[in-house]
Amino acid sequence: MKIRASVMIGASVLAVCAFAFDDAAKAKAQIQTEMSKYATAIKKKDAAGLEKIIKANFSEDFKDTDSKGNVRNREQTIQAMKQNITMLKTVKSVSVKVEKLTIKGGTATSNEHMVMKAVIAGPDPKQTATLDVDSSWVSTYVKKGAKWICTASKGGKEKVLINGKPIG
């Protein structure tokens, strides 16, 4: 009898773990789809598209804390992204990846990573410079209906190079 009870408990635990894994996999896929749209908008230097993506996926009370501790709300984040896009002459490549995602209740935590290679204007308007960005952050999402919405983001390690030299 004890063996049967142990088998039943084990099967129940496995079923719950499989459900949780499936939910996390679905959340990660949904968030990655939106991150890929975000990366495409950056690649195309599409400020209006980027704003639309942010408004569709970030809560109205979204807070972004950069690696230096500066905090921006959703509108400030949109304006900063628009300003950053105007400085890009061309974007050679950009990828944004959800590296790890965990769910506890109705909240997901996601480790995310972006790598971008671009060309920007140099100090002399006739010259250009290469821009290399390697940035990681942790985002918090809440489930609203069938969609995961980002409520907060906290910057982690960030490496920014201009013509191969670190800045900041």
N, C-alpha and C. Protein backbone atom coordinates (compact mmCIF):
# COMPACT_ATOMS: atom_id res chain seq x y z
N MET A 1 0.81 -1.19 0.00
CA MET A 1 0.00 0.00 0.00
C MET A 1 0.86 1.26 0.00
N LYS A 2 1.97 1.23 0.80
CA LYS A 2 2.84 2.39 0.85
C LYS A 2 3.49 2.64 -0.51
N ILE A 3 3.84 1.59 -1.20
CA ILE A 3 4.47 1.74 -2.51
C ILE A 3 3.48 2.37 -3.48
N ARG A 4 2.25 1.91 -3.46
CA ARG A 4 1.23 2.46 -4.36
C ARG A 4 1.00 3.95 -4.08
N ALA A 5 0.94 4.32 -2.80
CA ALA A 5 0.76 5.73 -2.43
C ALA A 5 1.95 6.55 -2.89
N SER A 6 3.16 6.01 -2.74
CA SER A 6 4.36 6.72 -3.18
C SER A 6 4.36 6.90 -4.69
N VAL A 7 3.94 5.88 -5.42
CA VAL A 7 3.86 5.98 -6.88
C VAL A 7 2.84 7.04 -7.27
N MET A 8 1.69 7.07 -6.61
CA MET A 8 0.65 8.05 -6.91
C MET A 8 1.14 9.48 -6.63
N ILE A 9 1.82 9.64 -5.49
CA ILE A 9 2.36 10.97 -5.15
C ILE A 9 3.41 11.37 -6.17
N GLY A 10 4.29 10.43 -6.52
CA GLY A 10 5.33 10.71 -7.52
C GLY A 10 4.73 11.09 -8.86
N ALA A 11 3.69 10.39 -9.27
CA ALA A 11 3.03 10.70 -10.54
C ALA A 11 2.38 12.08 -10.49
N SER A 12 1.79 12.42 -9.35
CA SER A 12 1.18 13.75 -9.19
C SER A 12 2.22 14.85 -9.27
N VAL A 13 3.35 14.63 -8.60
CA VAL A 13 4.43 15.63 -8.63
C VAL A 13 4.94 15.80 -10.06
N LEU A 14 5.13 14.71 -10.78
CA LEU A 14 5.58 14.79 -12.17
C LEU A 14 4.58 15.53 -13.04
N ALA A 15 3.30 15.30 -12.83
CA ALA A 15 2.27 15.98 -13.61
C ALA A 15 2.30 17.48 -13.35
N VAL A 16 2.46 17.87 -12.08
CA VAL A 16 2.53 19.30 -11.74
C VAL A 16 3.78 19.92 -12.35
N CYS A 17 4.90 19.21 -12.26
CA CYS A 17 6.15 19.73 -12.85
C CYS A 17 6.03 19.87 -14.36
N ALA A 18 5.42 18.91 -15.01
CA ALA A 18 5.23 18.97 -16.46
C ALA A 18 4.35 20.15 -16.84
N PHE A 19 3.28 20.39 -16.06
CA PHE A 19 2.40 21.53 -16.31
C PHE A 19 3.17 22.84 -16.13
N ALA A 20 3.94 22.95 -15.04
CA ALA A 20 4.72 24.17 -14.78
C ALA A 20 5.75 24.38 -15.88
N PHE A 21 6.40 23.31 -16.32
CA PHE A 21 7.39 23.42 -17.39
C PHE A 21 6.72 23.88 -18.68
N ASP A 22 5.55 23.31 -18.99
CA ASP A 22 4.82 23.69 -20.20
C ASP A 22 4.42 25.16 -20.15
N ASP A 23 3.95 25.62 -18.98
CA ASP A 23 3.56 27.03 -18.82
C ASP A 23 4.77 27.94 -18.99
N ALA A 24 5.91 27.57 -18.40
CA ALA A 24 7.14 28.36 -18.54
C ALA A 24 7.62 28.37 -19.99
N ALA A 25 7.53 27.23 -20.66
CA ALA A 25 7.95 27.16 -22.06
C ALA A 25 7.07 28.04 -22.94
N LYS A 26 5.76 28.03 -22.67
CA LYS A 26 4.84 28.88 -23.43
C LYS A 26 5.11 30.36 -23.17
N ALA A 27 5.35 30.71 -21.90
CA ALA A 27 5.65 32.11 -21.54
C ALA A 27 6.94 32.55 -22.21
N LYS A 28 7.96 31.71 -22.16
CA LYS A 28 9.25 32.05 -22.77
C LYS A 28 9.08 32.24 -24.28
N ALA A 29 8.32 31.38 -24.92
CA ALA A 29 8.09 31.50 -26.36
C ALA A 29 7.34 32.79 -26.70
N GLN A 30 6.32 33.13 -25.91
CA GLN A 30 5.55 34.35 -26.17
C GLN A 30 6.43 35.58 -25.99
N ILE A 31 7.21 35.62 -24.91
CA ILE A 31 8.09 36.77 -24.65
C ILE A 31 9.18 36.84 -25.71
N GLN A 32 9.74 35.70 -26.12
CA GLN A 32 10.78 35.70 -27.15
C GLN A 32 10.23 36.22 -28.48
N THR A 33 9.00 35.86 -28.81
CA THR A 33 8.38 36.36 -30.05
C THR A 33 8.34 37.88 -30.03
N GLU A 34 7.94 38.45 -28.91
CA GLU A 34 7.86 39.92 -28.79
C GLU A 34 9.26 40.54 -28.80
N MET A 35 10.23 39.87 -28.16
CA MET A 35 11.62 40.37 -28.17
C MET A 35 12.18 40.36 -29.59
N SER A 36 11.82 39.37 -30.37
CA SER A 36 12.29 39.31 -31.76
C SER A 36 11.70 40.46 -32.58
N LYS A 37 10.44 40.80 -32.32
CA LYS A 37 9.82 41.96 -32.98
C LYS A 37 10.56 43.24 -32.58
N TYR A 38 10.91 43.34 -31.32
CA TYR A 38 11.66 44.49 -30.78
C TYR A 38 13.00 44.62 -31.52
N ALA A 39 13.72 43.49 -31.64
CA ALA A 39 15.01 43.49 -32.33
C ALA A 39 14.85 43.89 -33.80
N THR A 40 13.80 43.42 -34.44
CA THR A 40 13.54 43.78 -35.85
C THR A 40 13.28 45.27 -35.98
N ALA A 41 12.54 45.85 -35.06
CA ALA A 41 12.27 47.29 -35.09
C ALA A 41 13.57 48.08 -34.93
N ILE A 42 14.45 47.61 -34.05
CA ILE A 42 15.75 48.28 -33.89
C ILE A 42 16.55 48.16 -35.19
N LYS A 43 16.59 46.97 -35.76
CA LYS A 43 17.36 46.73 -37.00
C LYS A 43 16.87 47.65 -38.11
N LYS A 44 15.56 47.85 -38.18
CA LYS A 44 14.98 48.71 -39.22
C LYS A 44 15.01 50.19 -38.84
N LYS A 45 15.45 50.47 -37.60
CA LYS A 45 15.43 51.84 -37.05
C LYS A 45 14.01 52.41 -37.11
N ASP A 46 13.06 51.57 -36.74
CA ASP A 46 11.63 51.91 -36.79
C ASP A 46 11.15 52.37 -35.42
N ALA A 47 11.28 53.67 -35.16
CA ALA A 47 10.91 54.23 -33.86
C ALA A 47 9.42 54.05 -33.57
N ALA A 48 8.56 54.26 -34.56
CA ALA A 48 7.12 54.11 -34.35
C ALA A 48 6.77 52.65 -34.04
N GLY A 49 7.40 51.72 -34.74
CA GLY A 49 7.18 50.30 -34.48
C GLY A 49 7.66 49.91 -33.10
N LEU A 50 8.80 50.45 -32.70
CA LEU A 50 9.34 50.17 -31.38
C LEU A 50 8.41 50.68 -30.28
N GLU A 51 7.87 51.86 -30.48
CA GLU A 51 6.92 52.42 -29.50
C GLU A 51 5.68 51.53 -29.40
N LYS A 52 5.19 51.08 -30.53
CA LYS A 52 4.00 50.22 -30.55
C LYS A 52 4.27 48.90 -29.80
N ILE A 53 5.44 48.33 -30.01
CA ILE A 53 5.82 47.08 -29.34
C ILE A 53 5.92 47.29 -27.84
N ILE A 54 6.56 48.40 -27.44
CA ILE A 54 6.70 48.68 -26.01
C ILE A 54 5.32 48.87 -25.37
N LYS A 55 4.47 49.65 -26.00
CA LYS A 55 3.14 49.90 -25.41
C LYS A 55 2.30 48.62 -25.34
N ALA A 56 2.51 47.71 -26.27
CA ALA A 56 1.74 46.46 -26.28
C ALA A 56 2.25 45.45 -25.25
N ASN A 57 3.50 45.60 -24.82
CA ASN A 57 4.11 44.57 -23.99
C ASN A 57 4.61 45.04 -22.63
N PHE A 58 4.61 46.34 -22.39
CA PHE A 58 5.07 46.89 -21.12
C PHE A 58 3.88 47.54 -20.43
N SER A 59 3.71 47.31 -19.15
CA SER A 59 2.59 47.88 -18.42
C SER A 59 2.71 49.41 -18.36
N GLU A 60 1.58 50.07 -18.14
CA GLU A 60 1.59 51.53 -18.04
C GLU A 60 2.46 52.00 -16.88
N ASP A 61 2.58 51.18 -15.82
CA ASP A 61 3.39 51.55 -14.67
C ASP A 61 4.79 50.91 -14.70
N PHE A 62 5.22 50.50 -15.89
CA PHE A 62 6.54 49.89 -16.09
C PHE A 62 7.65 50.76 -15.52
N LYS A 63 8.63 50.12 -14.87
CA LYS A 63 9.80 50.81 -14.35
C LYS A 63 11.06 50.11 -14.86
N ASP A 64 11.96 50.89 -15.44
CA ASP A 64 13.23 50.38 -15.93
C ASP A 64 14.34 50.97 -15.08
N THR A 65 15.12 50.13 -14.44
CA THR A 65 16.26 50.57 -13.64
C THR A 65 17.52 50.15 -14.38
N ASP A 66 18.33 51.13 -14.80
CA ASP A 66 19.53 50.77 -15.56
C ASP A 66 20.63 50.29 -14.61
N SER A 67 21.74 49.88 -15.18
CA SER A 67 22.83 49.30 -14.38
C SER A 67 23.45 50.30 -13.41
N LYS A 68 23.18 51.59 -13.60
CA LYS A 68 23.71 52.61 -12.69
C LYS A 68 22.68 53.02 -11.63
N GLY A 69 21.48 52.43 -11.68
CA GLY A 69 20.45 52.72 -10.69
C GLY A 69 19.46 53.80 -11.10
N ASN A 70 19.61 54.35 -12.30
CA ASN A 70 18.66 55.36 -12.79
C ASN A 70 17.36 54.67 -13.18
N VAL A 71 16.23 55.29 -12.81
CA VAL A 71 14.92 54.70 -13.06
C VAL A 71 14.16 55.53 -14.09
N ARG A 72 13.53 54.81 -15.05
CA ARG A 72 12.69 55.46 -16.07
C ARG A 72 11.34 54.76 -16.09
N ASN A 73 10.30 55.53 -16.41
CA ASN A 73 8.99 54.94 -16.59
C ASN A 73 8.83 54.52 -18.06
N ARG A 74 7.66 54.02 -18.41
CA ARG A 74 7.46 53.52 -19.78
C ARG A 74 7.65 54.62 -20.82
N GLU A 75 7.07 55.79 -20.59
CA GLU A 75 7.17 56.88 -21.56
C GLU A 75 8.62 57.35 -21.71
N GLN A 76 9.34 57.44 -20.61
CA GLN A 76 10.75 57.82 -20.67
C GLN A 76 11.58 56.77 -21.41
N THR A 77 11.22 55.52 -21.22
CA THR A 77 11.91 54.44 -21.93
C THR A 77 11.67 54.55 -23.43
N ILE A 78 10.43 54.83 -23.81
CA ILE A 78 10.11 55.00 -25.24
C ILE A 78 10.90 56.17 -25.82
N GLN A 79 10.93 57.28 -25.12
CA GLN A 79 11.65 58.46 -25.62
C GLN A 79 13.15 58.18 -25.73
N ALA A 80 13.72 57.48 -24.76
CA ALA A 80 15.14 57.14 -24.80
C ALA A 80 15.44 56.23 -25.99
N MET A 81 14.56 55.24 -26.24
CA MET A 81 14.77 54.34 -27.37
C MET A 81 14.68 55.09 -28.69
N LYS A 82 13.72 56.00 -28.80
CA LYS A 82 13.60 56.81 -30.02
C LYS A 82 14.86 57.63 -30.24
N GLN A 83 15.38 58.23 -29.17
CA GLN A 83 16.60 59.03 -29.28
C GLN A 83 17.78 58.15 -29.68
N ASN A 84 17.89 56.97 -29.08
CA ASN A 84 18.98 56.05 -29.41
C ASN A 84 18.92 55.63 -30.88
N ILE A 85 17.72 55.38 -31.38
CA ILE A 85 17.57 54.95 -32.76
C ILE A 85 18.03 56.04 -33.73
N THR A 86 17.78 57.30 -33.40
CA THR A 86 18.18 58.39 -34.31
C THR A 86 19.70 58.50 -34.42
N MET A 87 20.43 58.00 -33.43
CA MET A 87 21.89 58.06 -33.47
C MET A 87 22.50 56.95 -34.32
N LEU A 88 21.70 55.95 -34.66
CA LEU A 88 22.20 54.82 -35.44
C LEU A 88 22.15 55.15 -36.93
N LYS A 89 23.28 55.02 -37.60
CA LYS A 89 23.28 55.19 -39.05
C LYS A 89 22.78 53.89 -39.70
N THR A 90 23.38 52.79 -39.29
CA THR A 90 22.93 51.46 -39.74
C THR A 90 23.09 50.47 -38.60
N VAL A 91 22.25 49.46 -38.62
CA VAL A 91 22.35 48.38 -37.64
C VAL A 91 22.77 47.14 -38.42
N LYS A 92 23.97 46.68 -38.15
CA LYS A 92 24.48 45.50 -38.86
C LYS A 92 23.80 44.23 -38.36
N SER A 93 23.67 44.13 -37.03
CA SER A 93 23.00 42.96 -36.45
C SER A 93 22.50 43.30 -35.06
N VAL A 94 21.42 42.66 -34.68
CA VAL A 94 20.89 42.80 -33.32
C VAL A 94 20.11 41.54 -32.97
N SER A 95 20.35 41.05 -31.77
CA SER A 95 19.56 39.92 -31.29
C SER A 95 19.21 40.16 -29.83
N VAL A 96 18.00 39.80 -29.48
CA VAL A 96 17.54 39.88 -28.10
C VAL A 96 17.00 38.50 -27.75
N LYS A 97 17.55 37.91 -26.71
CA LYS A 97 17.19 36.54 -26.34
C LYS A 97 16.71 36.44 -24.90
N VAL A 98 15.69 35.63 -24.70
CA VAL A 98 15.27 35.24 -23.36
C VAL A 98 16.13 34.04 -23.02
N GLU A 99 17.03 34.21 -22.06
CA GLU A 99 17.96 33.13 -21.74
C GLU A 99 17.41 32.17 -20.70
N LYS A 100 16.65 32.69 -19.75
CA LYS A 100 16.10 31.85 -18.68
C LYS A 100 14.81 32.50 -18.21
N LEU A 101 13.82 31.68 -17.91
CA LEU A 101 12.55 32.20 -17.42
C LEU A 101 12.01 31.27 -16.35
N THR A 102 11.59 31.85 -15.23
CA THR A 102 10.96 31.07 -14.17
C THR A 102 9.62 31.72 -13.83
N ILE A 103 8.69 30.90 -13.41
CA ILE A 103 7.36 31.38 -13.04
C ILE A 103 7.05 30.96 -11.61
N LYS A 104 6.54 31.94 -10.85
CA LYS A 104 6.03 31.67 -9.50
C LYS A 104 4.68 32.34 -9.42
N GLY A 105 3.64 31.52 -9.39
CA GLY A 105 2.28 32.07 -9.39
C GLY A 105 2.02 32.76 -10.71
N GLY A 106 1.54 33.99 -10.66
CA GLY A 106 1.24 34.75 -11.88
C GLY A 106 2.36 35.70 -12.26
N THR A 107 3.57 35.46 -11.73
CA THR A 107 4.71 36.34 -12.02
C THR A 107 5.84 35.54 -12.64
N ALA A 108 6.41 36.07 -13.71
CA ALA A 108 7.55 35.44 -14.37
C ALA A 108 8.76 36.35 -14.24
N THR A 109 9.92 35.74 -14.09
CA THR A 109 11.19 36.47 -14.07
C THR A 109 12.02 35.92 -15.21
N SER A 110 12.57 36.85 -16.00
CA SER A 110 13.27 36.46 -17.22
C SER A 110 14.64 37.12 -17.29
N ASN A 111 15.67 36.31 -17.54
CA ASN A 111 17.01 36.84 -17.81
C ASN A 111 17.10 37.03 -19.31
N GLU A 112 17.44 38.26 -19.74
CA GLU A 112 17.43 38.60 -21.15
C GLU A 112 18.78 39.18 -21.56
N HIS A 113 19.11 39.01 -22.84
CA HIS A 113 20.44 39.39 -23.33
C HIS A 113 20.33 39.97 -24.74
N MET A 114 20.99 41.11 -24.95
CA MET A 114 21.00 41.74 -26.27
C MET A 114 22.44 41.93 -26.74
N VAL A 115 22.65 41.64 -28.01
CA VAL A 115 23.93 41.91 -28.66
C VAL A 115 23.60 42.69 -29.93
N MET A 116 24.28 43.84 -30.09
CA MET A 116 24.04 44.67 -31.28
C MET A 116 25.35 45.18 -31.83
N LYS A 117 25.43 45.20 -33.14
CA LYS A 117 26.56 45.81 -33.86
C LYS A 117 25.95 46.84 -34.80
N ALA A 118 26.44 48.07 -34.69
CA ALA A 118 25.86 49.15 -35.49
C ALA A 118 26.95 50.14 -35.90
N VAL A 119 26.55 51.07 -36.77
CA VAL A 119 27.41 52.17 -37.18
C VAL A 119 26.72 53.45 -36.73
N ILE A 120 27.49 54.32 -36.07
CA ILE A 120 26.96 55.60 -35.61
C ILE A 120 27.83 56.72 -36.18
N ALA A 121 27.33 57.94 -36.07
CA ALA A 121 28.12 59.09 -36.49
C ALA A 121 29.30 59.24 -35.53
N GLY A 122 30.44 59.62 -36.10
CA GLY A 122 31.61 59.85 -35.26
C GLY A 122 31.62 61.29 -34.77
N PRO A 123 32.66 61.66 -34.04
CA PRO A 123 32.77 63.03 -33.55
C PRO A 123 32.79 64.05 -34.70
N ASP A 124 33.42 63.65 -35.79
CA ASP A 124 33.42 64.46 -37.01
C ASP A 124 32.25 63.95 -37.86
N PRO A 125 31.30 64.83 -38.22
CA PRO A 125 30.11 64.37 -38.97
C PRO A 125 30.44 63.62 -40.27
N LYS A 126 31.64 63.81 -40.78
CA LYS A 126 32.02 63.11 -42.02
C LYS A 126 32.51 61.69 -41.74
N GLN A 127 32.69 61.37 -40.48
CA GLN A 127 33.21 60.05 -40.11
C GLN A 127 32.12 59.23 -39.40
N THR A 128 32.31 57.93 -39.42
CA THR A 128 31.42 57.04 -38.68
C THR A 128 32.25 56.26 -37.67
N ALA A 129 31.56 55.62 -36.75
CA ALA A 129 32.20 54.79 -35.73
C ALA A 129 31.39 53.51 -35.58
N THR A 130 32.07 52.45 -35.15
CA THR A 130 31.36 51.20 -34.89
C THR A 130 30.87 51.20 -33.45
N LEU A 131 29.71 50.66 -33.25
CA LEU A 131 29.11 50.54 -31.92
C LEU A 131 28.83 49.06 -31.66
N ASP A 132 29.37 48.55 -30.56
CA ASP A 132 29.12 47.18 -30.15
C ASP A 132 28.51 47.22 -28.75
N VAL A 133 27.34 46.59 -28.61
CA VAL A 133 26.63 46.56 -27.33
C VAL A 133 26.40 45.11 -26.94
N ASP A 134 26.73 44.78 -25.70
CA ASP A 134 26.45 43.46 -25.13
C ASP A 134 25.84 43.74 -23.76
N SER A 135 24.54 43.51 -23.64
CA SER A 135 23.81 43.95 -22.46
C SER A 135 22.90 42.84 -21.94
N SER A 136 22.86 42.71 -20.61
CA SER A 136 21.98 41.73 -19.97
C SER A 136 21.12 42.42 -18.93
N TRP A 137 19.92 41.90 -18.71
CA TRP A 137 19.03 42.46 -17.70
C TRP A 137 18.05 41.39 -17.25
N VAL A 138 17.35 41.70 -16.16
CA VAL A 138 16.32 40.81 -15.62
C VAL A 138 15.00 41.56 -15.67
N SER A 139 13.99 40.93 -16.25
CA SER A 139 12.67 41.54 -16.34
C SER A 139 11.65 40.75 -15.54
N THR A 140 10.65 41.47 -15.06
CA THR A 140 9.53 40.85 -14.34
C THR A 140 8.27 41.03 -15.17
N TYR A 141 7.51 39.95 -15.29
CA TYR A 141 6.27 39.94 -16.08
C TYR A 141 5.12 39.48 -15.21
N VAL A 142 3.94 39.99 -15.49
CA VAL A 142 2.72 39.47 -14.87
C VAL A 142 1.79 39.01 -15.99
N LYS A 143 1.02 38.01 -15.69
CA LYS A 143 0.11 37.47 -16.70
C LYS A 143 -1.20 38.24 -16.65
N LYS A 144 -1.59 38.81 -17.77
CA LYS A 144 -2.87 39.51 -17.90
C LYS A 144 -3.63 38.82 -19.02
N GLY A 145 -4.65 38.07 -18.64
CA GLY A 145 -5.35 37.25 -19.62
C GLY A 145 -4.41 36.16 -20.10
N ALA A 146 -4.23 36.08 -21.41
CA ALA A 146 -3.35 35.06 -21.98
C ALA A 146 -1.95 35.60 -22.26
N LYS A 147 -1.69 36.87 -21.93
CA LYS A 147 -0.43 37.52 -22.31
C LYS A 147 0.41 37.89 -21.09
N TRP A 148 1.72 37.76 -21.23
CA TRP A 148 2.66 38.19 -20.22
C TRP A 148 3.07 39.64 -20.52
N ILE A 149 2.93 40.51 -19.53
CA ILE A 149 3.23 41.94 -19.67
C ILE A 149 4.40 42.29 -18.76
N CYS A 150 5.37 43.01 -19.30
CA CYS A 150 6.56 43.40 -18.53
C CYS A 150 6.22 44.58 -17.61
N THR A 151 6.50 44.41 -16.33
CA THR A 151 6.22 45.46 -15.35
C THR A 151 7.50 46.15 -14.86
N ALA A 152 8.63 45.46 -14.97
CA ALA A 152 9.88 46.04 -14.50
C ALA A 152 11.06 45.37 -15.19
N SER A 153 12.13 46.13 -15.29
CA SER A 153 13.36 45.63 -15.87
C SER A 153 14.52 46.23 -15.08
N LYS A 154 15.52 45.41 -14.79
CA LYS A 154 16.68 45.88 -14.04
C LYS A 154 17.95 45.50 -14.81
N GLY A 155 18.70 46.53 -15.18
CA GLY A 155 19.93 46.32 -15.94
C GLY A 155 20.96 45.53 -15.17
N GLY A 156 21.67 44.69 -15.90
CA GLY A 156 22.76 43.91 -15.32
C GLY A 156 24.06 44.36 -15.93
N LYS A 157 24.85 43.39 -16.39
CA LYS A 157 26.13 43.77 -16.97
C LYS A 157 25.91 44.36 -18.37
N GLU A 158 26.73 45.34 -18.67
CA GLU A 158 26.61 46.00 -19.96
C GLU A 158 28.01 46.37 -20.44
N LYS A 159 28.27 46.03 -21.69
CA LYS A 159 29.55 46.38 -22.30
C LYS A 159 29.24 47.13 -23.58
N VAL A 160 29.71 48.38 -23.65
CA VAL A 160 29.48 49.21 -24.83
C VAL A 160 30.85 49.65 -25.35
N LEU A 161 31.08 49.37 -26.62
CA LEU A 161 32.35 49.75 -27.25
C LEU A 161 32.08 50.65 -28.45
N ILE A 162 32.87 51.70 -28.57
CA ILE A 162 32.86 52.53 -29.77
C ILE A 162 34.24 52.43 -30.39
N ASN A 163 34.27 51.98 -31.63
CA ASN A 163 35.53 51.69 -32.32
C ASN A 163 36.44 50.81 -31.46
N GLY A 164 35.81 49.83 -30.78
CA GLY A 164 36.55 48.86 -29.99
C GLY A 164 36.97 49.34 -28.62
N LYS A 165 36.65 50.58 -28.24
CA LYS A 165 37.06 51.13 -26.95
C LYS A 165 35.84 51.27 -26.02
N PRO A 166 36.00 50.84 -24.76
CA PRO A 166 34.87 50.93 -23.82
C PRO A 166 34.46 52.38 -23.55
N ILE A 167 33.15 52.57 -23.36
CA ILE A 167 32.65 53.87 -22.94
C ILE A 167 31.86 53.69 -21.66
N GLY A 168 31.59 54.81 -20.99
CA GLY A 168 30.73 54.79 -19.80
C GLY A 168 31.37 54.30 -18.63
